[in-house]
């Protein structure tokens, strides 16, 4: 029995090794369009693909982001101003992309741009808080995808949408989780629609990584701003100590950083390309199932401690 188990483990490692040896060929003939390249995942991906030899089209929200990418990357990289919440900006970027890729088409688009604020108890928020986040995190993803889909079809390429583990579980109020659930739904429907054309559609669900979006200080500053604008009767409902009580679990969980803990363990074992799927399966998927059976899971203090 032990030998059978050992044999299965050995086969699994061989399979992982074989799968990870696969590499994309002819990178110099392929164009990749990435949104949200000023910082974080988008910036890292743009620089990484540029080093591998891909032609990267990096959408940046700020002129500073464009300049810094140009300084650190080769001439293959094209930086373009992009505000995914503005359809005119998306259209201008698409017009430039058409001239860059020509008849080859676009090999991939990575919808990475996103914002995390404002997040807080639902009754602290206004409809404008929801609209501004949805405009970037959901409508921006859809707008960018639709704008370049004909170019993706031409290259029989792929669409990669960056959602979140919070597209599976909603432990805190606000538009962020709502927007990521929407990205998941858009991704699923797009994958079905594009399958007959040979286009691949993938969804990435990051957990807690150390980026600007998961900065604990920014989150607490946002919470304080939301608190300051509340009418007095709502403040009385929550209690004056609520804001102070919410700070400790927020900072603790952000500094713990589940994804980095898992990443250290996995890199030690040599599974450098396996970390996201491993942590998702071990922790977040089980937690998303738990939420369906336990009311008030948000009271566990992922970001703020709700009053009892």
C-alpha atoms as a PDB file:
ATOM      1  CA  UNK A   1       0.000   0.000   0.000  1.00  0.00           C
ATOM      2  CA  UNK A   2       2.797   2.405   0.898  1.00  0.00           C
ATOM      3  CA  UNK A   3       4.515   1.735  -2.432  1.00  0.00           C
ATOM      4  CA  UNK A   4       1.288   2.492  -4.302  1.00  0.00           C
ATOM      5  CA  UNK A   5       0.933   5.831  -2.521  1.00  0.00           C
ATOM      6  CA  UNK A   6       4.605   6.610  -3.122  1.00  0.00           C
ATOM      7  CA  UNK A   7       4.151   5.797  -6.797  1.00  0.00           C
ATOM      8  CA  UNK A   8       1.147   8.137  -7.076  1.00  0.00           C
ATOM      9  CA  UNK A   9       3.070  10.946  -5.394  1.00  0.00           C
ATOM     10  CA  UNK A  10       5.988  10.410  -7.783  1.00  0.00           C
ATOM     11  CA  UNK A  11       3.625  10.523 -10.780  1.00  0.00           C
ATOM     12  CA  UNK A  12       2.096  13.747  -9.469  1.00  0.00           C
ATOM     13  CA  UNK A  13       5.537  15.390  -9.215  1.00  0.00           C
ATOM     14  CA  UNK A  14       6.419  14.212 -12.728  1.00  0.00           C
ATOM     15  CA  UNK A  15       3.154  15.680 -14.003  1.00  0.00           C
ATOM     16  CA  UNK A  16       3.866  19.007 -12.283  1.00  0.00           C
ATOM     17  CA  UNK A  17       7.376  19.060 -13.729  1.00  0.00           C
ATOM     18  CA  UNK A  18       6.096  18.333 -17.228  1.00  0.00           C
ATOM     19  CA  UNK A  19       3.368  20.949 -17.007  1.00  0.00           C
ATOM     20  CA  UNK A  20       5.758  23.632 -15.804  1.00  0.00           C
ATOM     21  CA  UNK A  21       8.283  22.954 -18.585  1.00  0.00           C
ATOM     22  CA  UNK A  22       5.791  24.190 -21.182  1.00  0.00           C
ATOM     23  CA  UNK A  23       6.706  27.642 -22.425  1.00  0.00           C
ATOM     24  CA  UNK A  24       5.232  30.017 -24.963  1.00  0.00           C
ATOM     25  CA  UNK A  25       7.201  30.026 -28.204  1.00  0.00           C
ATOM     26  CA  UNK A  26       7.928  32.961 -30.523  1.00  0.00           C
ATOM     27  CA  UNK A  27       7.413  35.605 -27.861  1.00  0.00           C
ATOM     28  CA  UNK A  28       8.757  38.275 -30.178  1.00  0.00           C
ATOM     29  CA  UNK A  29       5.729  37.843 -32.460  1.00  0.00           C
ATOM     30  CA  UNK A  30       3.149  38.266 -29.721  1.00  0.00           C
ATOM     31  CA  UNK A  31       1.535  41.403 -28.301  1.00  0.00           C
ATOM     32  CA  UNK A  32       0.090  41.568 -24.773  1.00  0.00           C
ATOM     33  CA  UNK A  33      -2.118  44.418 -23.546  1.00  0.00           C
ATOM     34  CA  UNK A  34      -2.096  44.952 -19.761  1.00  0.00           C
ATOM     35  CA  UNK A  35      -4.184  47.466 -17.824  1.00  0.00           C
ATOM     36  CA  UNK A  36      -3.242  49.008 -14.476  1.00  0.00           C
ATOM     37  CA  UNK A  37       0.530  49.039 -14.997  1.00  0.00           C
ATOM     38  CA  UNK A  38       1.395  51.984 -12.733  1.00  0.00           C
ATOM     39  CA  UNK A  39       2.128  49.647  -9.814  1.00  0.00           C
ATOM     40  CA  UNK A  40       1.406  46.227  -8.352  1.00  0.00           C
ATOM     41  CA  UNK A  41       0.672  43.137 -10.424  1.00  0.00           C
ATOM     42  CA  UNK A  42       0.321  45.037 -13.705  1.00  0.00           C
ATOM     43  CA  UNK A  43       3.681  46.748 -13.359  1.00  0.00           C
ATOM     44  CA  UNK A  44       5.444  43.509 -12.424  1.00  0.00           C
ATOM     45  CA  UNK A  45       3.804  41.584 -15.266  1.00  0.00           C
ATOM     46  CA  UNK A  46       4.653  44.245 -17.844  1.00  0.00           C
ATOM     47  CA  UNK A  47       8.329  44.210 -16.848  1.00  0.00           C
ATOM     48  CA  UNK A  48       8.440  40.412 -16.671  1.00  0.00           C
ATOM     49  CA  UNK A  49       6.895  39.856 -20.105  1.00  0.00           C
ATOM     50  CA  UNK A  50       9.136  42.534 -21.581  1.00  0.00           C
ATOM     51  CA  UNK A  51      12.191  40.627 -20.310  1.00  0.00           C
ATOM     52  CA  UNK A  52      10.822  37.445 -21.879  1.00  0.00           C
ATOM     53  CA  UNK A  53      10.671  39.161 -25.262  1.00  0.00           C
ATOM     54  CA  UNK A  54       6.950  39.903 -25.641  1.00  0.00           C
ATOM     55  CA  UNK A  55       5.681  43.141 -27.142  1.00  0.00           C
ATOM     56  CA  UNK A  56       3.901  44.707 -24.164  1.00  0.00           C
ATOM     57  CA  UNK A  57       1.282  47.425 -24.412  1.00  0.00           C
ATOM     58  CA  UNK A  58       1.051  48.828 -20.890  1.00  0.00           C
ATOM     59  CA  UNK A  59      -1.981  50.883 -19.907  1.00  0.00           C
ATOM     60  CA  UNK A  60      -1.070  53.417 -17.197  1.00  0.00           C
ATOM     61  CA  UNK A  61      -3.361  55.819 -15.384  1.00  0.00           C
ATOM     62  CA  UNK A  62      -0.610  58.365 -14.671  1.00  0.00           C
ATOM     63  CA  UNK A  63       2.141  59.959 -16.731  1.00  0.00           C
ATOM     64  CA  UNK A  64       4.573  59.045 -13.963  1.00  0.00           C
ATOM     65  CA  UNK A  65       3.666  55.378 -14.373  1.00  0.00           C
ATOM     66  CA  UNK A  66       4.308  55.563 -18.111  1.00  0.00           C
ATOM     67  CA  UNK A  67       7.689  57.254 -17.683  1.00  0.00           C
ATOM     68  CA  UNK A  68       8.934  54.827 -15.037  1.00  0.00           C
ATOM     69  CA  UNK A  69       7.993  51.791 -17.136  1.00  0.00           C
ATOM     70  CA  UNK A  70       9.730  53.202 -20.189  1.00  0.00           C
ATOM     71  CA  UNK A  71      12.902  53.727 -18.152  1.00  0.00           C
ATOM     72  CA  UNK A  72      13.008  50.132 -16.892  1.00  0.00           C
ATOM     73  CA  UNK A  73      11.863  48.297 -20.028  1.00  0.00           C
ATOM     74  CA  UNK A  74      13.039  47.793 -23.598  1.00  0.00           C
ATOM     75  CA  UNK A  75      11.853  49.565 -26.729  1.00  0.00           C
ATOM     76  CA  UNK A  76       9.403  46.705 -27.298  1.00  0.00           C
ATOM     77  CA  UNK A  77       7.149  48.099 -24.566  1.00  0.00           C
ATOM     78  CA  UNK A  78       4.535  50.672 -25.550  1.00  0.00           C
ATOM     79  CA  UNK A  79       3.088  52.714 -22.688  1.00  0.00           C
ATOM     80  CA  UNK A  80      -0.309  54.311 -23.214  1.00  0.00           C
ATOM     81  CA  UNK A  81      -2.457  56.516 -21.009  1.00  0.00           C
ATOM     82  CA  UNK A  82      -5.552  54.599 -19.938  1.00  0.00           C
ATOM     83  CA  UNK A  83      -8.474  55.342 -17.650  1.00  0.00           C
ATOM     84  CA  UNK A  84     -10.602  52.183 -17.837  1.00  0.00           C
ATOM     85  CA  UNK A  85     -13.598  54.036 -16.366  1.00  0.00           C
ATOM     86  CA  UNK A  86     -13.610  56.435 -19.345  1.00  0.00           C
ATOM     87  CA  UNK A  87     -14.852  54.915 -22.620  1.00  0.00           C
ATOM     88  CA  UNK A  88     -13.147  57.652 -24.669  1.00  0.00           C
ATOM     89  CA  UNK A  89      -9.811  56.789 -23.067  1.00  0.00           C
ATOM     90  CA  UNK A  90     -10.408  53.085 -23.731  1.00  0.00           C
ATOM     91  CA  UNK A  91     -11.248  53.817 -27.381  1.00  0.00           C
ATOM     92  CA  UNK A  92      -8.099  55.925 -27.873  1.00  0.00           C
ATOM     93  CA  UNK A  93      -5.940  53.157 -26.414  1.00  0.00           C
ATOM     94  CA  UNK A  94      -7.611  50.613 -28.692  1.00  0.00           C
ATOM     95  CA  UNK A  95      -6.946  52.778 -31.756  1.00  0.00           C
ATOM     96  CA  UNK A  96      -3.251  52.861 -30.853  1.00  0.00           C
ATOM     97  CA  UNK A  97      -3.187  49.099 -30.274  1.00  0.00           C
ATOM     98  CA  UNK A  98      -4.610  48.473 -33.756  1.00  0.00           C
ATOM     99  CA  UNK A  99      -1.707  50.362 -35.313  1.00  0.00           C
ATOM    100  CA  UNK A 100       0.834  48.516 -33.147  1.00  0.00           C
ATOM    101  CA  UNK A 101      -0.371  44.922 -33.675  1.00  0.00           C
ATOM    102  CA  UNK A 102      -1.385  45.255 -37.324  1.00  0.00           C
ATOM    103  CA  UNK A 103      -2.692  42.088 -38.988  1.00  0.00           C
ATOM    104  CA  UNK A 104      -1.183  39.825 -36.322  1.00  0.00           C
ATOM    105  CA  UNK A 105      -3.887  40.729 -33.865  1.00  0.00           C
ATOM    106  CA  UNK A 106      -3.601  40.816 -30.089  1.00  0.00           C
ATOM    107  CA  UNK A 107      -2.266  37.655 -28.434  1.00  0.00           C
ATOM    108  CA  UNK A 108      -3.583  38.524 -24.954  1.00  0.00           C
ATOM    109  CA  UNK A 109      -5.322  41.163 -22.880  1.00  0.00           C
ATOM    110  CA  UNK A 110      -4.863  41.192 -19.098  1.00  0.00           C
ATOM    111  CA  UNK A 111      -7.559  43.154 -17.277  1.00  0.00           C
ATOM    112  CA  UNK A 112      -5.658  44.034 -14.124  1.00  0.00           C
ATOM    113  CA  UNK A 113      -6.675  47.636 -13.328  1.00  0.00           C
ATOM    114  CA  UNK A 114      -8.720  47.954 -10.164  1.00  0.00           C
ATOM    115  CA  UNK A 115      -9.432  49.911  -6.990  1.00  0.00           C
ATOM    116  CA  UNK A 116     -10.350  48.663  -3.520  1.00  0.00           C
ATOM    117  CA  UNK A 117     -11.830  51.733  -1.840  1.00  0.00           C
ATOM    118  CA  UNK A 118     -14.356  52.598  -0.547  1.00  0.00           C
ATOM    119  CA  UNK A 119     -14.941  49.576   1.702  1.00  0.00           C
ATOM    120  CA  UNK A 120     -16.842  49.572   4.952  1.00  0.00           C
ATOM    121  CA  UNK A 121     -20.221  48.766   6.490  1.00  0.00           C
ATOM    122  CA  UNK A 122     -22.895  48.975   3.817  1.00  0.00           C
ATOM    123  CA  UNK A 123     -24.955  51.613   5.601  1.00  0.00           C
ATOM    124  CA  UNK A 124     -21.928  53.915   5.669  1.00  0.00           C
ATOM    125  CA  UNK A 125     -21.829  54.118   1.874  1.00  0.00           C
ATOM    126  CA  UNK A 126     -23.633  55.982  -0.876  1.00  0.00           C
ATOM    127  CA  UNK A 127     -24.598  54.892  -4.368  1.00  0.00           C
ATOM    128  CA  UNK A 128     -21.777  57.074  -5.725  1.00  0.00           C
ATOM    129  CA  UNK A 129     -19.271  54.964  -3.749  1.00  0.00           C
ATOM    130  CA  UNK A 130     -20.583  51.916  -5.558  1.00  0.00           C
ATOM    131  CA  UNK A 131     -20.685  53.565  -8.987  1.00  0.00           C
ATOM    132  CA  UNK A 132     -17.075  54.797  -8.881  1.00  0.00           C
ATOM    133  CA  UNK A 133     -15.679  51.371  -7.956  1.00  0.00           C
ATOM    134  CA  UNK A 134     -17.896  49.429 -10.358  1.00  0.00           C
ATOM    135  CA  UNK A 135     -16.872  51.809 -13.149  1.00  0.00           C
ATOM    136  CA  UNK A 136     -13.255  50.643 -12.782  1.00  0.00           C
ATOM    137  CA  UNK A 137     -13.441  47.081 -11.467  1.00  0.00           C
ATOM    138  CA  UNK A 138     -16.355  45.777 -13.530  1.00  0.00           C
ATOM    139  CA  UNK A 139     -17.432  48.125 -16.315  1.00  0.00           C
ATOM    140  CA  UNK A 140     -13.772  48.874 -17.070  1.00  0.00           C
ATOM    141  CA  UNK A 141     -13.031  45.176 -17.508  1.00  0.00           C
ATOM    142  CA  UNK A 142     -16.002  44.749 -19.831  1.00  0.00           C
ATOM    143  CA  UNK A 143     -15.245  47.910 -21.829  1.00  0.00           C
ATOM    144  CA  UNK A 144     -11.578  47.055 -22.396  1.00  0.00           C
ATOM    145  CA  UNK A 145     -12.397  43.455 -23.324  1.00  0.00           C
ATOM    146  CA  UNK A 146     -15.088  44.385 -25.848  1.00  0.00           C
ATOM    147  CA  UNK A 147     -12.853  47.044 -27.399  1.00  0.00           C
ATOM    148  CA  UNK A 148     -10.077  44.574 -28.270  1.00  0.00           C
ATOM    149  CA  UNK A 149     -12.086  41.374 -28.763  1.00  0.00           C
ATOM    150  CA  UNK A 150     -11.902  41.579 -32.591  1.00  0.00           C
ATOM    151  CA  UNK A 151      -8.096  41.783 -32.305  1.00  0.00           C
ATOM    152  CA  UNK A 152      -8.085  38.825 -29.901  1.00  0.00           C
ATOM    153  CA  UNK A 153     -10.173  36.817 -32.369  1.00  0.00           C
ATOM    154  CA  UNK A 154      -7.745  37.636 -35.170  1.00  0.00           C
ATOM    155  CA  UNK A 155      -4.843  36.147 -33.191  1.00  0.00           C
ATOM    156  CA  UNK A 156      -6.927  33.351 -31.596  1.00  0.00           C
ATOM    157  CA  UNK A 157      -5.611  34.752 -28.346  1.00  0.00           C
ATOM    158  CA  UNK A 158      -6.735  34.842 -24.756  1.00  0.00           C
ATOM    159  CA  UNK A 159      -8.447  37.099 -22.213  1.00  0.00           C
ATOM    160  CA  UNK A 160      -7.153  37.133 -18.625  1.00  0.00           C
ATOM    161  CA  UNK A 161      -9.338  38.805 -16.009  1.00  0.00           C
ATOM    162  CA  UNK A 162      -7.952  39.556 -12.556  1.00  0.00           C
ATOM    163  CA  UNK A 163     -10.792  39.061 -10.084  1.00  0.00           C
ATOM    164  CA  UNK A 164     -10.164  38.249  -6.412  1.00  0.00           C
ATOM    165  CA  UNK A 165     -10.857  35.696  -3.723  1.00  0.00           C
ATOM    166  CA  UNK A 166     -13.476  38.273  -2.760  1.00  0.00           C
ATOM    167  CA  UNK A 167     -15.307  37.312  -5.926  1.00  0.00           C
ATOM    168  CA  UNK A 168     -16.118  34.138  -3.982  1.00  0.00           C
ATOM    169  CA  UNK A 169     -16.620  35.444  -0.457  1.00  0.00           C
ATOM    170  CA  UNK A 170     -17.879  38.791   0.879  1.00  0.00           C
ATOM    171  CA  UNK A 171     -16.494  39.318   4.385  1.00  0.00           C
ATOM    172  CA  UNK A 172     -16.925  43.108   4.329  1.00  0.00           C
ATOM    173  CA  UNK A 173     -19.319  45.670   2.938  1.00  0.00           C
ATOM    174  CA  UNK A 174     -18.919  47.945  -0.023  1.00  0.00           C
ATOM    175  CA  UNK A 175     -18.588  47.736  -3.796  1.00  0.00           C
ATOM    176  CA  UNK A 176     -15.296  45.831  -4.046  1.00  0.00           C
ATOM    177  CA  UNK A 177     -16.739  42.351  -3.499  1.00  0.00           C
ATOM    178  CA  UNK A 178     -19.771  43.224  -5.618  1.00  0.00           C
ATOM    179  CA  UNK A 179     -17.511  44.227  -8.506  1.00  0.00           C
ATOM    180  CA  UNK A 180     -15.383  41.083  -8.267  1.00  0.00           C
ATOM    181  CA  UNK A 181     -18.436  38.813  -8.214  1.00  0.00           C
ATOM    182  CA  UNK A 182     -19.425  40.614 -11.410  1.00  0.00           C
ATOM    183  CA  UNK A 183     -16.015  39.964 -12.979  1.00  0.00           C
ATOM    184  CA  UNK A 184     -16.402  36.262 -12.183  1.00  0.00           C
ATOM    185  CA  UNK A 185     -19.804  36.175 -13.915  1.00  0.00           C
ATOM    186  CA  UNK A 186     -18.528  38.109 -16.941  1.00  0.00           C
ATOM    187  CA  UNK A 187     -15.545  35.781 -17.168  1.00  0.00           C
ATOM    188  CA  UNK A 188     -17.731  32.645 -17.144  1.00  0.00           C
ATOM    189  CA  UNK A 189     -20.116  33.897 -19.814  1.00  0.00           C
ATOM    190  CA  UNK A 190     -17.294  35.208 -22.003  1.00  0.00           C
ATOM    191  CA  UNK A 191     -15.472  31.865 -21.794  1.00  0.00           C
ATOM    192  CA  UNK A 192     -18.555  30.026 -23.048  1.00  0.00           C
ATOM    193  CA  UNK A 193     -19.183  32.537 -25.855  1.00  0.00           C
ATOM    194  CA  UNK A 194     -15.582  32.585 -27.080  1.00  0.00           C
ATOM    195  CA  UNK A 195     -14.891  28.829 -26.938  1.00  0.00           C
ATOM    196  CA  UNK A 196     -16.124  28.215 -30.539  1.00  0.00           C
ATOM    197  CA  UNK A 197     -13.556  30.761 -31.770  1.00  0.00           C
ATOM    198  CA  UNK A 198     -10.640  29.040 -30.027  1.00  0.00           C
ATOM    199  CA  UNK A 199     -10.183  31.939 -27.593  1.00  0.00           C
ATOM    200  CA  UNK A 200      -9.133  31.094 -24.049  1.00  0.00           C
ATOM    201  CA  UNK A 201     -10.616  33.025 -21.142  1.00  0.00           C
ATOM    202  CA  UNK A 202      -8.975  32.767 -17.724  1.00  0.00           C
ATOM    203  CA  UNK A 203      -9.746  34.241 -14.312  1.00  0.00           C
ATOM    204  CA  UNK A 204      -7.124  34.925 -11.634  1.00  0.00           C
ATOM    205  CA  UNK A 205      -8.264  35.197  -8.017  1.00  0.00           C
ATOM    206  CA  UNK A 206      -5.461  36.719  -5.897  1.00  0.00           C
ATOM    207  CA  UNK A 207      -5.643  36.689  -2.119  1.00  0.00           C
ATOM    208  CA  UNK A 208      -3.695  39.003   0.188  1.00  0.00           C
ATOM    209  CA  UNK A 209      -0.597  40.281  -1.588  1.00  0.00           C
ATOM    210  CA  UNK A 210       1.431  43.293  -0.512  1.00  0.00           C
ATOM    211  CA  UNK A 211       0.202  45.897  -3.009  1.00  0.00           C
ATOM    212  CA  UNK A 212      -1.232  49.408  -2.738  1.00  0.00           C
ATOM    213  CA  UNK A 213      -4.728  47.890  -2.692  1.00  0.00           C
ATOM    214  CA  UNK A 214      -4.050  45.924   0.510  1.00  0.00           C
ATOM    215  CA  UNK A 215      -2.240  48.644   2.418  1.00  0.00           C
ATOM    216  CA  UNK A 216      -3.671  48.597   5.949  1.00  0.00           C
ATOM    217  CA  UNK A 217      -2.989  52.296   6.613  1.00  0.00           C
ATOM    218  CA  UNK A 218      -4.918  53.316   3.476  1.00  0.00           C
ATOM    219  CA  UNK A 219      -7.811  51.099   4.457  1.00  0.00           C
ATOM    220  CA  UNK A 220      -8.015  52.611   7.926  1.00  0.00           C
ATOM    221  CA  UNK A 221      -7.760  56.146   6.529  1.00  0.00           C
ATOM    222  CA  UNK A 222     -10.653  55.319   4.224  1.00  0.00           C
ATOM    223  CA  UNK A 223     -12.650  53.974   7.149  1.00  0.00           C
ATOM    224  CA  UNK A 224     -12.031  57.151   9.151  1.00  0.00           C
ATOM    225  CA  UNK A 225     -13.178  59.326   6.226  1.00  0.00           C
ATOM    226  CA  UNK A 226     -16.358  57.297   5.920  1.00  0.00           C
ATOM    227  CA  UNK A 227     -16.917  57.596   9.677  1.00  0.00           C
ATOM    228  CA  UNK A 228     -16.382  61.373   9.669  1.00  0.00           C
ATOM    229  CA  UNK A 229     -19.083  61.952   7.072  1.00  0.00           C
ATOM    230  CA  UNK A 230     -21.707  59.804   8.838  1.00  0.00           C
ATOM    231  CA  UNK A 231     -24.740  61.462  10.407  1.00  0.00           C
ATOM    232  CA  UNK A 232     -24.682  61.437  14.192  1.00  0.00           C
ATOM    233  CA  UNK A 233     -27.501  58.919  14.544  1.00  0.00           C
ATOM    234  CA  UNK A 234     -25.547  56.297  12.587  1.00  0.00           C
ATOM    235  CA  UNK A 235     -22.455  56.941  14.706  1.00  0.00           C
ATOM    236  CA  UNK A 236     -24.575  56.447  17.797  1.00  0.00           C
ATOM    237  CA  UNK A 237     -25.820  53.124  16.422  1.00  0.00           C
ATOM    238  CA  UNK A 238     -22.257  51.792  16.123  1.00  0.00           C
ATOM    239  CA  UNK A 239     -20.840  53.395  19.240  1.00  0.00           C
ATOM    240  CA  UNK A 240     -17.966  55.842  19.563  1.00  0.00           C
ATOM    241  CA  UNK A 241     -15.393  53.111  20.297  1.00  0.00           C
ATOM    242  CA  UNK A 242     -16.201  51.251  17.082  1.00  0.00           C
ATOM    243  CA  UNK A 243     -13.494  52.871  14.974  1.00  0.00           C
ATOM    244  CA  UNK A 244     -10.763  52.179  17.539  1.00  0.00           C
ATOM    245  CA  UNK A 245     -11.926  48.578  18.039  1.00  0.00           C
ATOM    246  CA  UNK A 246     -11.853  47.937  14.298  1.00  0.00           C
ATOM    247  CA  UNK A 247      -8.234  49.042  13.835  1.00  0.00           C
ATOM    248  CA  UNK A 248      -6.518  46.127  15.618  1.00  0.00           C
ATOM    249  CA  UNK A 249      -7.975  43.197  13.605  1.00  0.00           C
ATOM    250  CA  UNK A 250      -7.577  45.140  10.369  1.00  0.00           C
ATOM    251  CA  UNK A 251      -3.880  45.812  10.855  1.00  0.00           C
ATOM    252  CA  UNK A 252      -3.184  42.362  12.251  1.00  0.00           C
ATOM    253  CA  UNK A 253      -4.702  40.494   9.322  1.00  0.00           C
ATOM    254  CA  UNK A 254      -3.092  42.734   6.724  1.00  0.00           C
ATOM    255  CA  UNK A 255       0.360  42.343   8.234  1.00  0.00           C
ATOM    256  CA  UNK A 256      -0.121  38.586   8.568  1.00  0.00           C
ATOM    257  CA  UNK A 257      -0.752  38.403   4.831  1.00  0.00           C
ATOM    258  CA  UNK A 258      -2.038  34.860   4.216  1.00  0.00           C
ATOM    259  CA  UNK A 259      -0.738  34.743   0.664  1.00  0.00           C
ATOM    260  CA  UNK A 260       2.835  35.631   1.611  1.00  0.00           C
ATOM    261  CA  UNK A 261       2.873  33.009   4.376  1.00  0.00           C
ATOM    262  CA  UNK A 262       1.812  30.365   1.877  1.00  0.00           C
ATOM    263  CA  UNK A 263       4.239  31.688  -0.712  1.00  0.00           C
ATOM    264  CA  UNK A 264       7.218  31.257   1.618  1.00  0.00           C
ATOM    265  CA  UNK A 265       6.264  27.637   2.300  1.00  0.00           C
ATOM    266  CA  UNK A 266       5.741  26.793  -1.348  1.00  0.00           C
ATOM    267  CA  UNK A 267       8.934  28.430  -2.633  1.00  0.00           C
ATOM    268  CA  UNK A 268      10.834  26.454   0.010  1.00  0.00           C
ATOM    269  CA  UNK A 269       9.484  23.300  -1.660  1.00  0.00           C
ATOM    270  CA  UNK A 270      10.313  24.630  -5.119  1.00  0.00           C
ATOM    271  CA  UNK A 271       6.737  25.102  -6.394  1.00  0.00           C
ATOM    272  CA  UNK A 272       7.195  28.662  -7.608  1.00  0.00           C
ATOM    273  CA  UNK A 273       4.350  28.542 -10.127  1.00  0.00           C
ATOM    274  CA  UNK A 274       1.884  26.750  -7.850  1.00  0.00           C
ATOM    275  CA  UNK A 275       1.353  29.217  -5.034  1.00  0.00           C
ATOM    276  CA  UNK A 276      -1.897  30.896  -6.060  1.00  0.00           C
ATOM    277  CA  UNK A 277      -3.827  27.703  -6.724  1.00  0.00           C
ATOM    278  CA  UNK A 278      -2.530  26.047  -3.559  1.00  0.00           C
ATOM    279  CA  UNK A 279      -3.577  28.832  -1.189  1.00  0.00           C
ATOM    280  CA  UNK A 280      -6.910  29.201  -2.997  1.00  0.00           C
ATOM    281  CA  UNK A 281      -7.705  25.514  -2.531  1.00  0.00           C
ATOM    282  CA  UNK A 282      -6.438  25.254   1.030  1.00  0.00           C
ATOM    283  CA  UNK A 283      -8.046  28.370   2.490  1.00  0.00           C
ATOM    284  CA  UNK A 284     -10.283  30.581   0.394  1.00  0.00           C
ATOM    285  CA  UNK A 285     -12.487  27.995  -1.340  1.00  0.00           C
ATOM    286  CA  UNK A 286     -13.294  26.327   1.967  1.00  0.00           C
ATOM    287  CA  UNK A 287     -14.014  29.705   3.522  1.00  0.00           C
ATOM    288  CA  UNK A 288     -16.374  30.622   0.683  1.00  0.00           C
ATOM    289  CA  UNK A 289     -18.302  27.414   1.318  1.00  0.00           C
ATOM    290  CA  UNK A 290     -18.434  28.225   5.027  1.00  0.00           C
ATOM    291  CA  UNK A 291     -19.985  31.617   4.344  1.00  0.00           C
ATOM    292  CA  UNK A 292     -22.978  29.966   2.715  1.00  0.00           C
ATOM    293  CA  UNK A 293     -23.778  28.188   5.989  1.00  0.00           C
ATOM    294  CA  UNK A 294     -22.783  30.753   8.638  1.00  0.00           C
ATOM    295  CA  UNK A 295     -24.622  34.064   9.008  1.00  0.00           C
ATOM    296  CA  UNK A 296     -22.573  37.082   9.986  1.00  0.00           C
ATOM    297  CA  UNK A 297     -19.200  35.768   8.777  1.00  0.00           C
ATOM    298  CA  UNK A 298     -18.162  39.380   8.192  1.00  0.00           C
ATOM    299  CA  UNK A 299     -18.122  39.779  11.971  1.00  0.00           C
ATOM    300  CA  UNK A 300     -14.871  37.779  12.094  1.00  0.00           C
ATOM    301  CA  UNK A 301     -12.959  41.003  11.454  1.00  0.00           C
ATOM    302  CA  UNK A 302     -11.320  40.667   8.059  1.00  0.00           C
ATOM    303  CA  UNK A 303     -11.202  44.423   7.758  1.00  0.00           C
ATOM    304  CA  UNK A 304     -13.347  45.840  10.520  1.00  0.00           C
ATOM    305  CA  UNK A 305     -14.980  44.484  13.627  1.00  0.00           C
ATOM    306  CA  UNK A 306     -18.725  44.741  13.389  1.00  0.00           C
ATOM    307  CA  UNK A 307     -20.626  45.483  16.594  1.00  0.00           C
ATOM    308  CA  UNK A 308     -22.603  42.720  18.304  1.00  0.00           C
END
